[in-house]
N, C-alpha and C. Protein backbone atom coordinates (compact mmCIF):
# COMPACT_ATOMS: atom_id res chain seq x y z
N UNK A 1 98.45 111.34 102.32
CA UNK A 1 99.07 110.19 102.95
C UNK A 1 98.66 108.90 102.25
N UNK A 2 97.37 108.78 101.87
CA UNK A 2 96.91 107.57 101.19
C UNK A 2 97.64 107.32 99.89
N UNK A 3 97.81 108.38 99.11
CA UNK A 3 98.52 108.25 97.83
C UNK A 3 99.98 107.88 98.07
N UNK A 4 100.59 108.49 99.07
CA UNK A 4 101.99 108.17 99.39
C UNK A 4 102.11 106.70 99.77
N UNK A 5 101.17 106.19 100.57
CA UNK A 5 101.20 104.77 100.95
C UNK A 5 101.07 103.88 99.73
N UNK A 6 100.20 104.24 98.79
CA UNK A 6 100.05 103.45 97.57
C UNK A 6 101.34 103.45 96.76
N UNK A 7 102.00 104.60 96.68
CA UNK A 7 103.25 104.69 95.93
C UNK A 7 104.36 103.87 96.60
N UNK A 8 104.42 103.91 97.92
CA UNK A 8 105.41 103.10 98.64
C UNK A 8 105.14 101.62 98.40
N UNK A 9 103.86 101.23 98.45
CA UNK A 9 103.50 99.83 98.18
C UNK A 9 103.87 99.41 96.77
N UNK A 10 103.60 100.28 95.79
CA UNK A 10 103.96 99.98 94.40
C UNK A 10 105.47 99.87 94.26
N UNK A 11 106.21 100.76 94.94
CA UNK A 11 107.67 100.68 94.91
C UNK A 11 108.13 99.33 95.45
N UNK A 12 107.56 98.92 96.59
CA UNK A 12 107.95 97.65 97.21
C UNK A 12 107.75 96.49 96.26
N UNK A 13 106.61 96.45 95.58
CA UNK A 13 106.35 95.37 94.63
C UNK A 13 107.36 95.38 93.48
N UNK A 14 107.64 96.55 92.94
CA UNK A 14 108.60 96.64 91.81
C UNK A 14 110.00 96.28 92.26
N UNK A 15 110.37 96.69 93.47
CA UNK A 15 111.70 96.37 93.99
C UNK A 15 111.85 94.86 94.19
N UNK A 16 110.81 94.22 94.73
CA UNK A 16 110.84 92.76 94.92
C UNK A 16 110.92 92.07 93.57
N UNK A 17 110.10 92.53 92.62
CA UNK A 17 110.12 91.93 91.29
C UNK A 17 111.51 92.04 90.66
N UNK A 18 112.15 93.18 90.81
CA UNK A 18 113.50 93.39 90.28
C UNK A 18 114.50 92.43 90.92
N UNK A 19 114.43 92.29 92.24
CA UNK A 19 115.35 91.39 92.95
C UNK A 19 115.14 89.94 92.52
N UNK A 20 113.88 89.55 92.34
CA UNK A 20 113.60 88.19 91.91
C UNK A 20 114.11 87.94 90.49
N UNK A 21 113.89 88.88 89.60
CA UNK A 21 114.38 88.74 88.22
C UNK A 21 115.90 88.64 88.21
N UNK A 22 116.56 89.41 89.04
CA UNK A 22 118.01 89.37 89.15
C UNK A 22 118.48 87.97 89.55
N UNK A 23 117.65 87.27 90.34
CA UNK A 23 117.98 85.94 90.82
C UNK A 23 117.36 84.83 89.96
N UNK A 24 116.95 85.20 88.75
CA UNK A 24 116.45 84.28 87.71
C UNK A 24 115.11 83.65 88.03
N UNK A 25 114.29 84.34 88.81
CA UNK A 25 112.91 83.91 89.03
C UNK A 25 112.04 84.57 87.97
N UNK A 26 111.05 83.87 87.46
CA UNK A 26 110.03 84.44 86.59
C UNK A 26 108.92 84.93 87.51
N UNK A 27 108.45 86.15 87.31
CA UNK A 27 107.47 86.71 88.22
C UNK A 27 106.19 87.10 87.49
N UNK A 28 105.11 87.07 88.22
CA UNK A 28 103.83 87.52 87.72
C UNK A 28 103.17 88.34 88.81
N UNK A 29 103.05 89.63 88.59
CA UNK A 29 102.41 90.50 89.57
C UNK A 29 100.91 90.42 89.35
N UNK A 30 100.17 89.93 90.34
CA UNK A 30 98.74 89.72 90.17
C UNK A 30 97.90 90.94 90.52
N UNK A 31 98.52 92.00 90.97
CA UNK A 31 97.79 93.24 91.20
C UNK A 31 97.60 93.96 89.87
N UNK A 32 96.36 94.22 89.52
CA UNK A 32 96.07 94.87 88.24
C UNK A 32 96.40 96.36 88.29
N UNK A 33 96.46 96.93 89.48
CA UNK A 33 96.77 98.35 89.62
C UNK A 33 97.58 98.53 90.89
N UNK A 34 97.73 99.77 91.31
CA UNK A 34 98.47 100.03 92.55
C UNK A 34 97.72 99.48 93.76
N UNK A 35 96.40 99.41 93.70
CA UNK A 35 95.62 98.87 94.82
C UNK A 35 95.74 97.35 94.88
N UNK A 36 95.70 96.79 96.09
CA UNK A 36 95.80 95.34 96.26
C UNK A 36 94.59 94.65 95.63
N UNK A 37 94.85 93.56 94.94
CA UNK A 37 93.79 92.84 94.24
C UNK A 37 93.55 91.44 94.79
N UNK A 38 94.48 90.88 95.52
CA UNK A 38 94.35 89.49 95.96
C UNK A 38 95.15 89.27 97.24
N UNK A 39 95.04 88.05 97.80
CA UNK A 39 95.85 87.71 98.97
C UNK A 39 97.33 87.80 98.65
N UNK A 40 97.67 87.40 97.45
CA UNK A 40 99.07 87.42 97.03
C UNK A 40 99.29 88.61 96.12
N UNK A 41 100.48 89.17 96.20
CA UNK A 41 100.83 90.25 95.28
C UNK A 41 101.46 89.70 94.02
N UNK A 42 102.18 88.59 94.15
CA UNK A 42 102.81 88.00 92.98
C UNK A 42 103.09 86.52 93.19
N UNK A 43 103.26 85.86 92.07
CA UNK A 43 103.73 84.48 92.04
C UNK A 43 105.11 84.52 91.41
N UNK A 44 105.96 83.60 91.80
CA UNK A 44 107.28 83.52 91.20
C UNK A 44 107.61 82.05 90.97
N UNK A 45 108.35 81.82 89.89
CA UNK A 45 108.70 80.44 89.51
C UNK A 45 110.17 80.41 89.09
N UNK A 46 110.85 79.39 89.59
CA UNK A 46 112.24 79.16 89.22
C UNK A 46 112.40 77.65 89.10
N UNK A 47 112.63 77.17 87.87
CA UNK A 47 112.67 75.73 87.63
C UNK A 47 111.31 75.15 87.97
N UNK A 48 111.27 74.16 88.84
CA UNK A 48 110.00 73.55 89.23
C UNK A 48 109.43 74.17 90.52
N UNK A 49 110.15 75.11 91.10
CA UNK A 49 109.74 75.75 92.35
C UNK A 49 108.81 76.92 92.08
N UNK A 50 107.68 76.96 92.77
CA UNK A 50 106.72 78.07 92.68
C UNK A 50 106.46 78.60 94.08
N UNK A 51 106.44 79.92 94.23
CA UNK A 51 106.15 80.54 95.52
C UNK A 51 105.08 81.60 95.34
N UNK A 52 104.30 81.80 96.40
CA UNK A 52 103.30 82.86 96.47
C UNK A 52 103.90 83.94 97.35
N UNK A 53 103.83 85.17 96.89
CA UNK A 53 104.49 86.25 97.61
C UNK A 53 103.53 87.38 97.95
N UNK A 54 103.67 87.83 99.16
CA UNK A 54 102.96 89.03 99.62
C UNK A 54 104.05 90.06 99.86
N UNK A 55 103.79 91.30 99.55
CA UNK A 55 104.80 92.34 99.70
C UNK A 55 104.24 93.45 100.59
N UNK A 56 105.02 93.83 101.58
CA UNK A 56 104.70 94.97 102.43
C UNK A 56 105.90 95.90 102.39
N UNK A 57 105.64 97.18 102.31
CA UNK A 57 106.74 98.14 102.26
C UNK A 57 106.47 99.28 103.24
N UNK A 58 107.57 99.85 103.73
CA UNK A 58 107.45 101.08 104.51
C UNK A 58 108.45 102.08 103.94
N UNK A 59 108.07 103.33 103.98
CA UNK A 59 108.91 104.40 103.43
C UNK A 59 110.15 104.64 104.26
N UNK A 60 111.05 105.43 103.70
CA UNK A 60 112.35 105.64 104.35
C UNK A 60 112.25 106.31 105.71
N UNK A 61 111.19 107.05 105.96
CA UNK A 61 111.05 107.75 107.24
C UNK A 61 110.41 106.86 108.32
N UNK A 62 110.01 105.67 107.94
CA UNK A 62 109.27 104.80 108.85
C UNK A 62 110.09 103.56 109.20
N UNK A 63 109.83 103.03 110.38
CA UNK A 63 110.53 101.83 110.85
C UNK A 63 109.55 100.79 111.37
N UNK A 64 108.41 100.72 110.68
CA UNK A 64 107.42 99.73 111.07
C UNK A 64 106.60 99.32 109.87
N UNK A 65 106.00 98.14 109.99
CA UNK A 65 105.14 97.62 108.93
C UNK A 65 103.73 97.50 109.49
N UNK A 66 102.76 97.95 108.70
CA UNK A 66 101.35 97.94 109.07
C UNK A 66 100.66 96.73 108.43
N UNK A 67 99.84 96.05 109.21
CA UNK A 67 99.11 94.88 108.73
C UNK A 67 97.65 95.06 109.08
N UNK A 68 96.81 95.12 108.08
CA UNK A 68 95.37 95.29 108.30
C UNK A 68 94.60 94.15 107.67
N UNK A 69 93.28 94.28 107.75
CA UNK A 69 92.41 93.30 107.12
C UNK A 69 92.07 92.11 107.99
N UNK A 70 92.49 92.13 109.25
CA UNK A 70 92.13 91.05 110.15
C UNK A 70 90.78 91.37 110.79
N UNK A 71 90.00 90.35 111.08
CA UNK A 71 88.68 90.56 111.67
C UNK A 71 88.81 90.85 113.16
N UNK A 72 88.33 92.02 113.60
CA UNK A 72 88.37 92.33 115.03
C UNK A 72 87.64 91.26 115.84
N UNK A 73 88.23 90.90 116.97
CA UNK A 73 87.62 89.91 117.85
C UNK A 73 87.89 88.47 117.48
N UNK A 74 88.58 88.24 116.37
CA UNK A 74 88.89 86.87 115.95
C UNK A 74 90.40 86.67 115.96
N UNK A 75 90.81 85.47 116.36
CA UNK A 75 92.23 85.14 116.34
C UNK A 75 92.77 85.23 114.91
N UNK A 76 94.05 85.53 114.80
CA UNK A 76 94.71 85.59 113.50
C UNK A 76 95.18 84.19 113.15
N UNK A 77 94.69 83.69 112.04
CA UNK A 77 94.99 82.32 111.62
C UNK A 77 96.32 82.26 110.88
N UNK A 78 97.07 81.21 111.15
CA UNK A 78 98.33 80.99 110.41
C UNK A 78 98.57 79.51 110.15
N UNK A 79 97.71 78.66 110.64
CA UNK A 79 97.91 77.21 110.52
C UNK A 79 97.72 76.69 109.10
N UNK A 80 96.83 77.32 108.32
CA UNK A 80 96.53 76.83 106.97
C UNK A 80 97.40 77.47 105.89
N UNK A 81 98.41 78.20 106.28
CA UNK A 81 99.28 78.86 105.30
C UNK A 81 100.35 77.88 104.83
N UNK A 82 100.48 77.78 103.54
CA UNK A 82 101.40 76.83 102.91
C UNK A 82 102.87 77.26 103.09
N UNK A 83 103.77 76.30 103.07
CA UNK A 83 105.20 76.58 103.22
C UNK A 83 105.78 77.36 102.04
N UNK A 84 105.06 77.41 100.92
CA UNK A 84 105.55 78.16 99.75
C UNK A 84 105.01 79.59 99.74
N UNK A 85 104.44 80.03 100.84
CA UNK A 85 103.87 81.37 100.98
C UNK A 85 104.85 82.22 101.80
N UNK A 86 105.34 83.29 101.19
CA UNK A 86 106.30 84.18 101.85
C UNK A 86 105.80 85.60 101.81
N UNK A 87 106.18 86.37 102.81
CA UNK A 87 105.95 87.81 102.80
C UNK A 87 107.31 88.47 102.72
N UNK A 88 107.45 89.36 101.75
CA UNK A 88 108.70 90.10 101.62
C UNK A 88 108.44 91.52 102.08
N UNK A 89 109.15 91.89 103.13
CA UNK A 89 109.01 93.21 103.72
C UNK A 89 110.13 94.09 103.19
N UNK A 90 109.76 95.23 102.65
CA UNK A 90 110.72 96.14 102.04
C UNK A 90 110.79 97.41 102.88
N UNK A 91 111.94 97.64 103.48
CA UNK A 91 112.20 98.88 104.21
C UNK A 91 112.95 99.79 103.24
N UNK A 92 112.23 100.77 102.69
CA UNK A 92 112.85 101.69 101.72
C UNK A 92 113.95 102.49 102.38
N UNK A 93 115.03 102.63 101.66
CA UNK A 93 116.10 103.51 102.09
C UNK A 93 116.05 104.80 101.30
N UNK A 94 116.99 105.69 101.53
CA UNK A 94 117.03 106.95 100.76
C UNK A 94 117.54 106.70 99.35
N UNK A 95 118.19 105.56 99.13
CA UNK A 95 118.60 105.13 97.79
C UNK A 95 118.59 103.60 97.76
N UNK A 96 118.78 103.01 96.59
CA UNK A 96 118.68 101.56 96.43
C UNK A 96 119.60 100.79 97.37
N UNK A 97 120.80 101.29 97.56
CA UNK A 97 121.76 100.58 98.41
C UNK A 97 121.29 100.50 99.87
N UNK A 98 120.38 101.40 100.26
CA UNK A 98 119.89 101.42 101.63
C UNK A 98 118.59 100.64 101.83
N UNK A 99 118.02 100.11 100.75
CA UNK A 99 116.80 99.29 100.87
C UNK A 99 117.14 98.00 101.61
N UNK A 100 116.22 97.56 102.45
CA UNK A 100 116.40 96.31 103.17
C UNK A 100 115.20 95.42 102.86
N UNK A 101 115.48 94.16 102.53
CA UNK A 101 114.44 93.19 102.23
C UNK A 101 114.47 92.10 103.29
N UNK A 102 113.32 91.81 103.87
CA UNK A 102 113.19 90.68 104.78
C UNK A 102 112.30 89.65 104.09
N UNK A 103 112.83 88.47 103.83
CA UNK A 103 112.10 87.39 103.17
C UNK A 103 111.65 86.43 104.27
N UNK A 104 110.40 86.58 104.69
CA UNK A 104 109.89 85.90 105.88
C UNK A 104 108.77 84.92 105.50
N UNK A 105 108.81 83.69 105.98
CA UNK A 105 107.67 82.79 105.75
C UNK A 105 106.40 83.42 106.33
N UNK A 106 105.34 83.47 105.53
CA UNK A 106 104.11 84.13 105.96
C UNK A 106 103.54 83.49 107.22
N UNK A 107 103.68 82.19 107.36
CA UNK A 107 103.18 81.50 108.56
C UNK A 107 103.85 82.08 109.81
N UNK A 108 105.15 82.28 109.77
CA UNK A 108 105.89 82.86 110.90
C UNK A 108 105.44 84.30 111.15
N UNK A 109 105.32 85.08 110.09
CA UNK A 109 104.91 86.48 110.22
C UNK A 109 103.53 86.58 110.87
N UNK A 110 102.59 85.77 110.40
CA UNK A 110 101.24 85.78 110.97
C UNK A 110 101.27 85.38 112.44
N UNK A 111 102.11 84.41 112.78
CA UNK A 111 102.24 83.99 114.18
C UNK A 111 102.74 85.16 115.03
N UNK A 112 103.70 85.92 114.51
CA UNK A 112 104.24 87.06 115.26
C UNK A 112 103.21 88.18 115.39
N UNK A 113 102.41 88.40 114.35
CA UNK A 113 101.33 89.40 114.45
C UNK A 113 100.33 88.94 115.50
N UNK A 114 100.00 87.65 115.49
CA UNK A 114 99.05 87.10 116.46
C UNK A 114 99.57 87.27 117.89
N UNK A 115 100.85 86.98 118.12
CA UNK A 115 101.43 87.14 119.45
C UNK A 115 101.40 88.60 119.90
N UNK A 116 101.70 89.50 118.97
CA UNK A 116 101.66 90.93 119.28
C UNK A 116 100.24 91.36 119.63
N UNK A 117 99.26 90.90 118.86
CA UNK A 117 97.86 91.20 119.11
C UNK A 117 97.44 90.72 120.50
N UNK A 118 97.77 89.46 120.79
CA UNK A 118 97.38 88.87 122.07
C UNK A 118 97.99 89.65 123.25
N UNK A 119 99.26 90.00 123.15
CA UNK A 119 99.93 90.74 124.23
C UNK A 119 99.32 92.13 124.41
N UNK A 120 99.02 92.79 123.31
CA UNK A 120 98.42 94.13 123.37
C UNK A 120 97.04 94.08 124.03
N UNK A 121 96.22 93.14 123.59
CA UNK A 121 94.85 93.06 124.11
C UNK A 121 94.81 92.57 125.56
N UNK A 122 95.85 91.90 126.02
CA UNK A 122 95.89 91.40 127.40
C UNK A 122 96.12 92.53 128.40
N UNK A 123 96.60 93.66 127.93
CA UNK A 123 96.86 94.80 128.82
C UNK A 123 95.67 95.76 128.78
N UNK A 124 95.33 96.30 129.92
CA UNK A 124 94.27 97.31 129.97
C UNK A 124 94.83 98.66 129.56
N UNK A 125 93.95 99.52 129.14
CA UNK A 125 94.35 100.91 128.86
C UNK A 125 94.69 101.58 130.18
N UNK A 126 95.23 102.78 130.13
CA UNK A 126 95.60 103.51 131.35
C UNK A 126 94.39 103.77 132.24
N UNK A 127 93.22 103.93 131.61
CA UNK A 127 92.02 104.19 132.41
C UNK A 127 91.37 102.90 132.93
N UNK A 128 92.03 101.74 132.69
CA UNK A 128 91.53 100.47 133.19
C UNK A 128 90.59 99.75 132.25
N UNK A 129 90.14 100.40 131.22
CA UNK A 129 89.22 99.77 130.26
C UNK A 129 90.00 98.83 129.34
N UNK A 130 89.33 97.85 128.74
CA UNK A 130 90.02 96.93 127.82
C UNK A 130 90.43 97.64 126.53
N UNK A 131 91.52 97.17 125.96
CA UNK A 131 91.96 97.70 124.66
C UNK A 131 91.05 97.19 123.57
N UNK A 132 90.98 97.95 122.48
CA UNK A 132 90.09 97.62 121.37
C UNK A 132 90.86 96.89 120.26
N UNK A 133 90.26 95.85 119.75
CA UNK A 133 90.81 95.10 118.62
C UNK A 133 90.27 95.75 117.34
N UNK A 134 91.15 96.42 116.60
CA UNK A 134 90.72 97.11 115.38
C UNK A 134 90.95 96.28 114.13
N UNK A 135 91.68 95.16 114.27
CA UNK A 135 92.02 94.35 113.10
C UNK A 135 93.22 94.90 112.35
N UNK A 136 93.87 95.90 112.91
CA UNK A 136 95.04 96.53 112.29
C UNK A 136 96.19 96.47 113.29
N UNK A 137 97.35 95.93 112.84
CA UNK A 137 98.46 95.72 113.76
C UNK A 137 99.76 96.22 113.15
N UNK A 138 100.68 96.61 114.01
CA UNK A 138 101.96 97.16 113.58
C UNK A 138 103.10 96.37 114.21
N UNK A 139 104.09 96.02 113.39
CA UNK A 139 105.32 95.43 113.90
C UNK A 139 106.44 96.43 113.65
N UNK A 140 107.16 96.76 114.71
CA UNK A 140 108.20 97.79 114.69
C UNK A 140 109.58 97.17 114.52
N UNK A 141 110.39 97.75 113.65
CA UNK A 141 111.75 97.26 113.45
C UNK A 141 112.62 97.52 114.67
N UNK A 142 112.48 98.68 115.27
CA UNK A 142 113.33 99.06 116.40
C UNK A 142 112.89 98.49 117.72
N UNK A 143 113.84 98.42 118.64
CA UNK A 143 113.56 98.02 120.02
C UNK A 143 113.00 99.24 120.76
N UNK A 144 112.34 99.00 121.86
CA UNK A 144 111.89 100.09 122.71
C UNK A 144 113.09 100.74 123.38
N UNK A 145 113.03 102.02 123.58
CA UNK A 145 114.15 102.74 124.21
C UNK A 145 114.37 102.29 125.65
N UNK A 146 113.31 101.85 126.29
CA UNK A 146 113.41 101.44 127.69
C UNK A 146 114.13 100.10 127.85
N UNK A 147 114.36 99.41 126.72
CA UNK A 147 114.98 98.10 126.79
C UNK A 147 113.97 96.99 127.00
N UNK A 148 112.71 97.39 127.24
CA UNK A 148 111.62 96.42 127.42
C UNK A 148 111.43 95.64 126.12
N UNK A 149 111.15 94.36 126.23
CA UNK A 149 110.92 93.54 125.04
C UNK A 149 109.43 93.29 124.90
N UNK A 150 108.85 93.79 123.83
CA UNK A 150 107.44 93.54 123.54
C UNK A 150 107.34 92.76 122.25
N UNK A 151 106.30 91.94 122.11
CA UNK A 151 106.15 91.16 120.88
C UNK A 151 106.01 92.01 119.61
N UNK A 152 105.66 93.28 119.75
CA UNK A 152 105.46 94.14 118.58
C UNK A 152 106.72 94.92 118.19
N UNK A 153 107.81 94.77 118.92
CA UNK A 153 109.02 95.56 118.68
C UNK A 153 110.25 94.66 118.50
N UNK A 154 111.30 95.26 117.93
CA UNK A 154 112.59 94.60 117.82
C UNK A 154 112.76 93.70 116.62
N UNK A 155 111.99 93.95 115.56
CA UNK A 155 112.05 93.04 114.43
C UNK A 155 113.29 93.21 113.55
N UNK A 156 113.99 94.30 113.66
CA UNK A 156 115.28 94.39 112.96
C UNK A 156 116.21 93.30 113.50
N UNK A 157 116.16 93.11 114.79
CA UNK A 157 116.95 92.08 115.46
C UNK A 157 116.34 90.69 115.25
N UNK A 158 115.04 90.57 115.47
CA UNK A 158 114.36 89.28 115.38
C UNK A 158 114.37 88.71 113.96
N UNK A 159 114.35 89.59 112.96
CA UNK A 159 114.34 89.13 111.58
C UNK A 159 115.70 89.19 110.92
N UNK A 160 116.76 89.36 111.67
CA UNK A 160 118.10 89.49 111.08
C UNK A 160 118.41 88.34 110.13
N UNK A 161 118.03 87.14 110.47
CA UNK A 161 118.34 85.99 109.60
C UNK A 161 117.52 85.99 108.31
N UNK A 162 116.45 86.78 108.26
CA UNK A 162 115.63 86.87 107.05
C UNK A 162 116.03 88.04 106.15
N UNK A 163 116.93 88.87 106.64
CA UNK A 163 117.37 90.02 105.85
C UNK A 163 118.12 89.54 104.60
N UNK A 164 117.60 89.93 103.45
CA UNK A 164 118.19 89.60 102.15
C UNK A 164 118.34 88.09 101.96
N UNK A 165 117.45 87.32 102.58
CA UNK A 165 117.54 85.86 102.54
C UNK A 165 116.71 85.28 101.38
N UNK A 166 117.06 85.66 100.17
CA UNK A 166 116.34 85.22 98.98
C UNK A 166 116.47 83.71 98.76
N UNK A 167 117.55 83.12 99.26
CA UNK A 167 117.76 81.67 99.11
C UNK A 167 116.67 80.87 99.80
N UNK A 168 116.01 81.45 100.81
CA UNK A 168 114.97 80.71 101.52
C UNK A 168 113.78 80.39 100.62
N UNK A 169 113.65 81.07 99.50
CA UNK A 169 112.57 80.79 98.57
C UNK A 169 112.81 79.47 97.82
N UNK A 170 114.06 79.05 97.77
CA UNK A 170 114.43 77.86 97.02
C UNK A 170 114.52 76.65 97.94
N UNK A 171 113.50 75.83 97.93
CA UNK A 171 113.51 74.64 98.80
C UNK A 171 113.42 73.40 97.98
């Protein structure tokens, strides 16, 4: 599973790089290998515009994005994130035509992860004990089958305006 996750992540970075090159952005992938090396996965430049990009990918069988590396017990910060910082979420399809890209401002994404974290931790477990903050959070593309709206679900709908929104990088 670990190797598969690394390959999906590497695919996501290459797919984003390809899309950016197609749109005449110059890219620099700052990851020296398949493993993450920095806060940003790549920098991109078009004319005088420069953006910092983080890339998250999920495989074709999955409908959620995993976010780790947050400190358990501490709020998730998003206030100091620059407007030129974006996270590109890649939902792999069974072929290129089925790939979906969400170009989301990282500040907004972090805010949504924070809201999901807060809502999750505010609920007790079934046995009445408090939930544990592991520093790892998941945002689901699909809605809950019950129709209930939770901060961690429904991102296919919530991020519809960010789907394939490469123009948002150009400000």
